[in-house]
PDB file of all heavy atoms in Angstrom:
ATOM      1  N   LYS A   1      -2.391   2.180  -6.607  1.00  0.00           N
ATOM      2  CA  LYS A   1      -2.588   1.220  -5.536  1.00  0.00           C
ATOM      3  C   LYS A   1      -1.635   1.491  -4.380  1.00  0.00           C
ATOM      4  O   LYS A   1      -0.566   2.082  -4.564  1.00  0.00           O
ATOM      5  CB  LYS A   1      -2.380  -0.212  -6.056  1.00  0.00           C
ATOM      6  CG  LYS A   1      -3.347  -0.594  -7.171  1.00  0.00           C
ATOM      7  CD  LYS A   1      -3.088  -2.001  -7.672  1.00  0.00           C
ATOM      8  CE  LYS A   1      -4.075  -2.367  -8.779  1.00  0.00           C
ATOM      9  NZ  LYS A   1      -3.852  -3.765  -9.268  1.00  0.00           N
ATOM     10  N   ALA A   2      -2.016   1.029  -3.188  1.00  0.00           N
ATOM     11  CA  ALA A   2      -1.154   1.140  -2.022  1.00  0.00           C
ATOM     12  C   ALA A   2      -0.191  -0.046  -2.021  1.00  0.00           C
ATOM     13  O   ALA A   2      -0.629  -1.200  -1.960  1.00  0.00           O
ATOM     14  CB  ALA A   2      -1.984   1.153  -0.744  1.00  0.00           C
ATOM     15  N   VAL A   3       1.106   0.243  -2.080  1.00  0.00           N
ATOM     16  CA  VAL A   3       2.088  -0.817  -2.277  1.00  0.00           C
ATOM     17  C   VAL A   3       3.261  -0.666  -1.313  1.00  0.00           C
ATOM     18  O   VAL A   3       3.383   0.326  -0.591  1.00  0.00           O
ATOM     19  CB  VAL A   3       2.639  -0.802  -3.723  1.00  0.00           C
ATOM     20  CG1 VAL A   3       1.504  -0.813  -4.740  1.00  0.00           C
ATOM     21  CG2 VAL A   3       3.540   0.423  -3.959  1.00  0.00           C
ATOM     22  N   ARG A   4       4.154  -1.621  -1.345  1.00  0.00           N
ATOM     23  CA  ARG A   4       5.437  -1.538  -0.667  1.00  0.00           C
ATOM     24  C   ARG A   4       6.493  -2.114  -1.606  1.00  0.00           C
ATOM     25  O   ARG A   4       6.320  -3.193  -2.162  1.00  0.00           O
ATOM     26  CB  ARG A   4       5.412  -2.321   0.646  1.00  0.00           C
ATOM     27  CG  ARG A   4       6.756  -2.521   1.322  1.00  0.00           C
ATOM     28  CD  ARG A   4       7.473  -1.234   1.634  1.00  0.00           C
ATOM     29  NE  ARG A   4       6.695  -0.353   2.488  1.00  0.00           N
ATOM     30  CZ  ARG A   4       6.879   0.947   2.548  1.00  0.00           C
ATOM     31  NH1 ARG A   4       7.793   1.530   1.796  1.00  0.00           N
ATOM     32  NH2 ARG A   4       6.157   1.697   3.345  1.00  0.00           N
ATOM     33  N   LEU A   5       7.545  -1.328  -1.838  1.00  0.00           N
ATOM     34  CA  LEU A   5       8.679  -1.814  -2.614  1.00  0.00           C
ATOM     35  C   LEU A   5       9.679  -2.493  -1.691  1.00  0.00           C
ATOM     36  O   LEU A   5       9.825  -2.117  -0.537  1.00  0.00           O
ATOM     37  CB  LEU A   5       9.383  -0.651  -3.329  1.00  0.00           C
ATOM     38  CG  LEU A   5       8.540   0.271  -4.212  1.00  0.00           C
ATOM     39  CD1 LEU A   5       9.447   1.301  -4.885  1.00  0.00           C
ATOM     40  CD2 LEU A   5       7.753  -0.506  -5.234  1.00  0.00           C
ATOM     41  N   GLN A   6      10.397  -3.473  -2.212  1.00  0.00           N
ATOM     42  CA  GLN A   6      11.495  -4.074  -1.470  1.00  0.00           C
ATOM     43  C   GLN A   6      12.785  -3.346  -1.825  1.00  0.00           C
ATOM     44  O   GLN A   6      13.199  -3.334  -2.984  1.00  0.00           O
ATOM     45  CB  GLN A   6      11.644  -5.561  -1.806  1.00  0.00           C
ATOM     46  CG  GLN A   6      10.540  -6.435  -1.260  1.00  0.00           C
ATOM     47  CD  GLN A   6      10.824  -7.912  -1.462  1.00  0.00           C
ATOM     48  OE1 GLN A   6      11.956  -8.321  -1.663  1.00  0.00           O
ATOM     49  NE2 GLN A   6       9.768  -8.709  -1.419  1.00  0.00           N
ATOM     50  N   LYS A   7      13.385  -2.711  -0.828  1.00  0.00           N
ATOM     51  CA  LYS A   7      14.642  -1.985  -1.007  1.00  0.00           C
ATOM     52  C   LYS A   7      14.559  -0.960  -2.136  1.00  0.00           C
ATOM     53  O   LYS A   7      15.532  -0.703  -2.831  1.00  0.00           O
ATOM     54  CB  LYS A   7      15.793  -2.963  -1.265  1.00  0.00           C
ATOM     55  CG  LYS A   7      16.046  -3.936  -0.122  1.00  0.00           C
ATOM     56  CD  LYS A   7      17.244  -4.819  -0.408  1.00  0.00           C
ATOM     57  CE  LYS A   7      17.506  -5.788   0.719  1.00  0.00           C
ATOM     58  NZ  LYS A   7      18.678  -6.648   0.474  1.00  0.00           N
ATOM     59  N   GLY A   8      13.386  -0.382  -2.322  1.00  0.00           N
ATOM     60  CA  GLY A   8      13.210   0.652  -3.327  1.00  0.00           C
ATOM     61  C   GLY A   8      13.192   0.160  -4.755  1.00  0.00           C
ATOM     62  O   GLY A   8      13.282   0.960  -5.692  1.00  0.00           O
ATOM     63  N   ASP A   9      13.026  -1.141  -4.946  1.00  0.00           N
ATOM     64  CA  ASP A   9      13.064  -1.732  -6.287  1.00  0.00           C
ATOM     65  C   ASP A   9      11.657  -1.739  -6.875  1.00  0.00           C
ATOM     66  O   ASP A   9      10.764  -2.435  -6.375  1.00  0.00           O
ATOM     67  CB  ASP A   9      13.621  -3.154  -6.201  1.00  0.00           C
ATOM     68  CG  ASP A   9      13.883  -3.780  -7.574  1.00  0.00           C
ATOM     69  OD1 ASP A   9      13.328  -3.281  -8.570  1.00  0.00           O
ATOM     70  OD2 ASP A   9      14.640  -4.768  -7.622  1.00  0.00           O
ATOM     71  N   TYR A  10      11.466  -0.979  -7.951  1.00  0.00           N
ATOM     72  CA  TYR A  10      10.153  -0.885  -8.574  1.00  0.00           C
ATOM     73  C   TYR A  10       9.714  -2.195  -9.220  1.00  0.00           C
ATOM     74  O   TYR A  10       8.548  -2.353  -9.583  1.00  0.00           O
ATOM     75  CB  TYR A  10      10.148   0.232  -9.622  1.00  0.00           C
ATOM     76  CG  TYR A  10       9.994   1.622  -9.042  1.00  0.00           C
ATOM     77  CD1 TYR A  10      11.067   2.273  -8.431  1.00  0.00           C
ATOM     78  CD2 TYR A  10       8.777   2.296  -9.109  1.00  0.00           C
ATOM     79  CE1 TYR A  10      10.930   3.537  -7.897  1.00  0.00           C
ATOM     80  CE2 TYR A  10       8.629   3.574  -8.589  1.00  0.00           C
ATOM     81  CZ  TYR A  10       9.718   4.181  -7.977  1.00  0.00           C
ATOM     82  OH  TYR A  10       9.575   5.451  -7.447  1.00  0.00           O
ATOM     83  N   ALA A  11      10.624  -3.139  -9.371  1.00  0.00           N
ATOM     84  CA  ALA A  11      10.274  -4.438  -9.929  1.00  0.00           C
ATOM     85  C   ALA A  11       9.846  -5.424  -8.850  1.00  0.00           C
ATOM     86  O   ALA A  11       9.392  -6.533  -9.160  1.00  0.00           O
ATOM     87  CB  ALA A  11      11.456  -5.016 -10.711  1.00  0.00           C
ATOM     88  N   LYS A  12       9.987  -5.024  -7.571  1.00  0.00           N
ATOM     89  CA  LYS A  12       9.626  -5.902  -6.461  1.00  0.00           C
ATOM     90  C   LYS A  12       8.562  -5.211  -5.622  1.00  0.00           C
ATOM     91  O   LYS A  12       8.861  -4.506  -4.662  1.00  0.00           O
ATOM     92  CB  LYS A  12      10.859  -6.237  -5.622  1.00  0.00           C
ATOM     93  CG  LYS A  12      11.923  -7.012  -6.401  1.00  0.00           C
ATOM     94  CD  LYS A  12      13.149  -7.294  -5.541  1.00  0.00           C
ATOM     95  CE  LYS A  12      14.195  -8.077  -6.328  1.00  0.00           C
ATOM     96  NZ  LYS A  12      15.411  -8.325  -5.515  1.00  0.00           N
ATOM     97  N   VAL A  13       7.319  -5.404  -6.041  1.00  0.00           N
ATOM     98  CA  VAL A  13       6.188  -4.667  -5.476  1.00  0.00           C
ATOM     99  C   VAL A  13       5.222  -5.616  -4.786  1.00  0.00           C
ATOM    100  O   VAL A  13       4.863  -6.660  -5.337  1.00  0.00           O
ATOM    101  CB  VAL A  13       5.434  -3.904  -6.591  1.00  0.00           C
ATOM    102  CG1 VAL A  13       4.249  -3.142  -6.001  1.00  0.00           C
ATOM    103  CG2 VAL A  13       6.367  -2.972  -7.330  1.00  0.00           C
ATOM    104  N   THR A  14       4.815  -5.260  -3.575  1.00  0.00           N
ATOM    105  CA  THR A  14       3.731  -5.947  -2.888  1.00  0.00           C
ATOM    106  C   THR A  14       2.555  -4.985  -2.790  1.00  0.00           C
ATOM    107  O   THR A  14       2.713  -3.860  -2.316  1.00  0.00           O
ATOM    108  CB  THR A  14       4.152  -6.372  -1.467  1.00  0.00           C
ATOM    109  OG1 THR A  14       5.266  -7.259  -1.547  1.00  0.00           O
ATOM    110  CG2 THR A  14       3.000  -7.079  -0.752  1.00  0.00           C
ATOM    111  N   VAL A  15       1.398  -5.399  -3.268  1.00  0.00           N
ATOM    112  CA  VAL A  15       0.189  -4.579  -3.195  1.00  0.00           C
ATOM    113  C   VAL A  15      -0.526  -4.880  -1.892  1.00  0.00           C
ATOM    114  O   VAL A  15      -0.887  -6.028  -1.616  1.00  0.00           O
ATOM    115  CB  VAL A  15      -0.743  -4.832  -4.391  1.00  0.00           C
ATOM    116  CG1 VAL A  15      -2.036  -4.016  -4.238  1.00  0.00           C
ATOM    117  CG2 VAL A  15      -0.040  -4.481  -5.708  1.00  0.00           C
ATOM    118  N   TYR A  16      -0.742  -3.839  -1.071  1.00  0.00           N
ATOM    119  CA  TYR A  16      -1.436  -4.002   0.200  1.00  0.00           C
ATOM    120  C   TYR A  16      -2.921  -3.678   0.085  1.00  0.00           C
ATOM    121  O   TYR A  16      -3.732  -4.224   0.829  1.00  0.00           O
ATOM    122  CB  TYR A  16      -0.799  -3.113   1.267  1.00  0.00           C
ATOM    123  CG  TYR A  16       0.497  -3.654   1.809  1.00  0.00           C
ATOM    124  CD1 TYR A  16       1.714  -3.084   1.463  1.00  0.00           C
ATOM    125  CD2 TYR A  16       0.506  -4.749   2.663  1.00  0.00           C
ATOM    126  CE1 TYR A  16       2.908  -3.589   1.956  1.00  0.00           C
ATOM    127  CE2 TYR A  16       1.682  -5.266   3.162  1.00  0.00           C
ATOM    128  CZ  TYR A  16       2.883  -4.677   2.802  1.00  0.00           C
ATOM    129  OH  TYR A  16       4.055  -5.185   3.294  1.00  0.00           O
ATOM    130  N   ASN A  17      -3.248  -2.766  -0.826  1.00  0.00           N
ATOM    131  CA  ASN A  17      -4.642  -2.395  -0.980  1.00  0.00           C
ATOM    132  C   ASN A  17      -4.822  -1.783  -2.363  1.00  0.00           C
ATOM    133  O   ASN A  17      -4.034  -0.913  -2.760  1.00  0.00           O
ATOM    134  CB  ASN A  17      -5.067  -1.393   0.103  1.00  0.00           C
ATOM    135  CG  ASN A  17      -6.571  -1.326   0.286  1.00  0.00           C
ATOM    136  OD1 ASN A  17      -7.327  -1.311  -0.686  1.00  0.00           O
ATOM    137  ND2 ASN A  17      -7.016  -1.284   1.536  1.00  0.00           N
ATOM    138  N   ASP A  18      -5.828  -2.221  -3.084  1.00  0.00           N
ATOM    139  CA  ASP A  18      -6.085  -1.655  -4.412  1.00  0.00           C
ATOM    140  C   ASP A  18      -6.584  -0.229  -4.327  1.00  0.00           C
ATOM    141  O   ASP A  18      -6.550   0.500  -5.319  1.00  0.00           O
ATOM    142  CB  ASP A  18      -7.113  -2.510  -5.159  1.00  0.00           C
ATOM    143  CG  ASP A  18      -6.549  -3.857  -5.586  1.00  0.00           C
ATOM    144  OD1 ASP A  18      -5.319  -3.968  -5.753  1.00  0.00           O
ATOM    145  OD2 ASP A  18      -7.350  -4.807  -5.754  1.00  0.00           O
ATOM    146  N   ASP A  19      -7.049   0.178  -3.142  1.00  0.00           N
ATOM    147  CA  ASP A  19      -7.624   1.514  -2.960  1.00  0.00           C
ATOM    148  C   ASP A  19      -6.903   2.237  -1.818  1.00  0.00           C
ATOM    149  O   ASP A  19      -7.169   1.969  -0.640  1.00  0.00           O
ATOM    150  CB  ASP A  19      -9.119   1.396  -2.646  1.00  0.00           C
ATOM    151  CG  ASP A  19      -9.806   2.750  -2.497  1.00  0.00           C
ATOM    152  OD1 ASP A  19      -9.104   3.790  -2.597  1.00  0.00           O
ATOM    153  OD2 ASP A  19     -11.031   2.761  -2.275  1.00  0.00           O
ATOM    154  N   PRO A  20      -6.003   3.161  -2.141  1.00  0.00           N
ATOM    155  CA  PRO A  20      -5.287   3.889  -1.086  1.00  0.00           C
ATOM    156  C   PRO A  20      -6.201   4.655  -0.138  1.00  0.00           C
ATOM    157  O   PRO A  20      -5.868   4.815   1.043  1.00  0.00           O
ATOM    158  CB  PRO A  20      -4.375   4.844  -1.872  1.00  0.00           C
ATOM    159  CG  PRO A  20      -4.183   4.174  -3.193  1.00  0.00           C
ATOM    160  CD  PRO A  20      -5.502   3.515  -3.482  1.00  0.00           C
ATOM    161  N   VAL A  21      -7.332   5.128  -0.625  1.00  0.00           N
ATOM    162  CA  VAL A  21      -8.258   5.868   0.243  1.00  0.00           C
ATOM    163  C   VAL A  21      -8.875   4.925   1.264  1.00  0.00           C
ATOM    164  O   VAL A  21      -9.026   5.267   2.448  1.00  0.00           O
ATOM    165  CB  VAL A  21      -9.341   6.581  -0.583  1.00  0.00           C
ATOM    166  CG1 VAL A  21     -10.277   7.358   0.334  1.00  0.00           C
ATOM    167  CG2 VAL A  21      -8.712   7.514  -1.618  1.00  0.00           C
ATOM    168  N   ALA A  22      -9.201   3.713   0.837  1.00  0.00           N
ATOM    169  CA  ALA A  22      -9.714   2.720   1.771  1.00  0.00           C
ATOM    170  C   ALA A  22      -8.655   2.378   2.811  1.00  0.00           C
ATOM    171  O   ALA A  22      -8.976   2.178   3.993  1.00  0.00           O
ATOM    172  CB  ALA A  22     -10.157   1.466   1.020  1.00  0.00           C
ATOM    173  N   GLN A  23      -7.402   2.313   2.394  1.00  0.00           N
ATOM    174  CA  GLN A  23      -6.331   2.049   3.347  1.00  0.00           C
ATOM    175  C   GLN A  23      -6.214   3.185   4.364  1.00  0.00           C
ATOM    176  O   GLN A  23      -5.998   2.953   5.556  1.00  0.00           O
ATOM    177  CB  GLN A  23      -5.007   1.876   2.613  1.00  0.00           C
ATOM    178  CG  GLN A  23      -3.842   1.483   3.505  1.00  0.00           C
ATOM    179  CD  GLN A  23      -4.086   0.155   4.196  1.00  0.00           C
ATOM    180  OE1 GLN A  23      -4.237  -0.875   3.547  1.00  0.00           O
ATOM    181  NE2 GLN A  23      -4.122   0.167   5.517  1.00  0.00           N
ATOM    182  N   ALA A  24      -6.369   4.413   3.883  1.00  0.00           N
ATOM    183  CA  ALA A  24      -6.336   5.562   4.794  1.00  0.00           C
ATOM    184  C   ALA A  24      -7.467   5.477   5.811  1.00  0.00           C
ATOM    185  O   ALA A  24      -7.276   5.759   7.002  1.00  0.00           O
ATOM    186  CB  ALA A  24      -6.423   6.864   3.998  1.00  0.00           C
ATOM    187  N   ARG A  25      -8.643   5.070   5.368  1.00  0.00           N
ATOM    188  CA  ARG A  25      -9.776   4.926   6.296  1.00  0.00           C
ATOM    189  C   ARG A  25      -9.476   3.845   7.341  1.00  0.00           C
ATOM    190  O   ARG A  25      -9.848   3.978   8.515  1.00  0.00           O
ATOM    191  CB  ARG A  25     -11.042   4.576   5.523  1.00  0.00           C
ATOM    192  CG  ARG A  25     -11.577   5.686   4.621  1.00  0.00           C
ATOM    193  CD  ARG A  25     -12.991   5.373   4.162  1.00  0.00           C
ATOM    194  NE  ARG A  25     -13.439   6.296   3.130  1.00  0.00           N
ATOM    195  CZ  ARG A  25     -13.457   6.007   1.820  1.00  0.00           C
ATOM    196  NH1 ARG A  25     -13.075   4.807   1.405  1.00  0.00           N
ATOM    197  NH2 ARG A  25     -13.866   6.897   0.938  1.00  0.00           N
ATOM    198  N   ALA A  26      -8.804   2.775   6.916  1.00  0.00           N
ATOM    199  CA  ALA A  26      -8.441   1.716   7.859  1.00  0.00           C
ATOM    200  C   ALA A  26      -7.491   2.249   8.923  1.00  0.00           C
ATOM    201  O   ALA A  26      -7.589   1.877  10.104  1.00  0.00           O
ATOM    202  CB  ALA A  26      -7.809   0.545   7.115  1.00  0.00           C
ATOM    203  N   PHE A  27      -6.591   3.132   8.519  1.00  0.00           N
ATOM    204  CA  PHE A  27      -5.687   3.743   9.488  1.00  0.00           C
ATOM    205  C   PHE A  27      -6.450   4.631  10.469  1.00  0.00           C
ATOM    206  O   PHE A  27      -6.122   4.688  11.658  1.00  0.00           O
ATOM    207  CB  PHE A  27      -4.600   4.539   8.768  1.00  0.00           C
ATOM    208  CG  PHE A  27      -3.554   3.692   8.074  1.00  0.00           C
ATOM    209  CD1 PHE A  27      -2.919   4.167   6.939  1.00  0.00           C
ATOM    210  CD2 PHE A  27      -3.203   2.458   8.571  1.00  0.00           C
ATOM    211  CE1 PHE A  27      -1.942   3.407   6.305  1.00  0.00           C
ATOM    212  CE2 PHE A  27      -2.225   1.684   7.947  1.00  0.00           C
ATOM    213  CZ  PHE A  27      -1.594   2.158   6.809  1.00  0.00           C
ATOM    214  N   VAL A  28      -7.444   5.340   9.968  1.00  0.00           N
ATOM    215  CA  VAL A  28      -8.286   6.151  10.858  1.00  0.00           C
ATOM    216  C   VAL A  28      -8.959   5.252  11.893  1.00  0.00           C
ATOM    217  O   VAL A  28      -8.981   5.550  13.095  1.00  0.00           O
ATOM    218  CB  VAL A  28      -9.348   6.929  10.051  1.00  0.00           C
ATOM    219  CG1 VAL A  28     -10.336   7.611  11.000  1.00  0.00           C
ATOM    220  CG2 VAL A  28      -8.694   7.961   9.147  1.00  0.00           C
ATOM    221  N   ASP A  29      -9.514   4.139  11.427  1.00  0.00           N
ATOM    222  CA  ASP A  29     -10.193   3.207  12.332  1.00  0.00           C
ATOM    223  C   ASP A  29      -9.236   2.656  13.391  1.00  0.00           C
ATOM    224  O   ASP A  29      -9.658   2.322  14.506  1.00  0.00           O
ATOM    225  CB  ASP A  29     -10.794   2.044  11.532  1.00  0.00           C
ATOM    226  CG  ASP A  29     -11.952   2.475  10.646  1.00  0.00           C
ATOM    227  OD1 ASP A  29     -12.517   3.567  10.891  1.00  0.00           O
ATOM    228  OD2 ASP A  29     -12.280   1.738   9.699  1.00  0.00           O
ATOM    229  N   ALA A  30      -7.947   2.574  13.038  1.00  0.00           N
ATOM    230  CA  ALA A  30      -6.939   2.071  13.980  1.00  0.00           C
ATOM    231  C   ALA A  30      -6.434   3.156  14.921  1.00  0.00           C
ATOM    232  O   ALA A  30      -5.621   2.886  15.804  1.00  0.00           O
ATOM    233  CB  ALA A  30      -5.765   1.465  13.210  1.00  0.00           C
TER     234      ALA A  30
END
């Protein structure tokens, strides 16, 4: 999944997109 860690902590994860490829397509659209 496409995520963001807080301060590099693997226990503090925010999921931005379940599909990294879909996220890449969104970046293309932007």
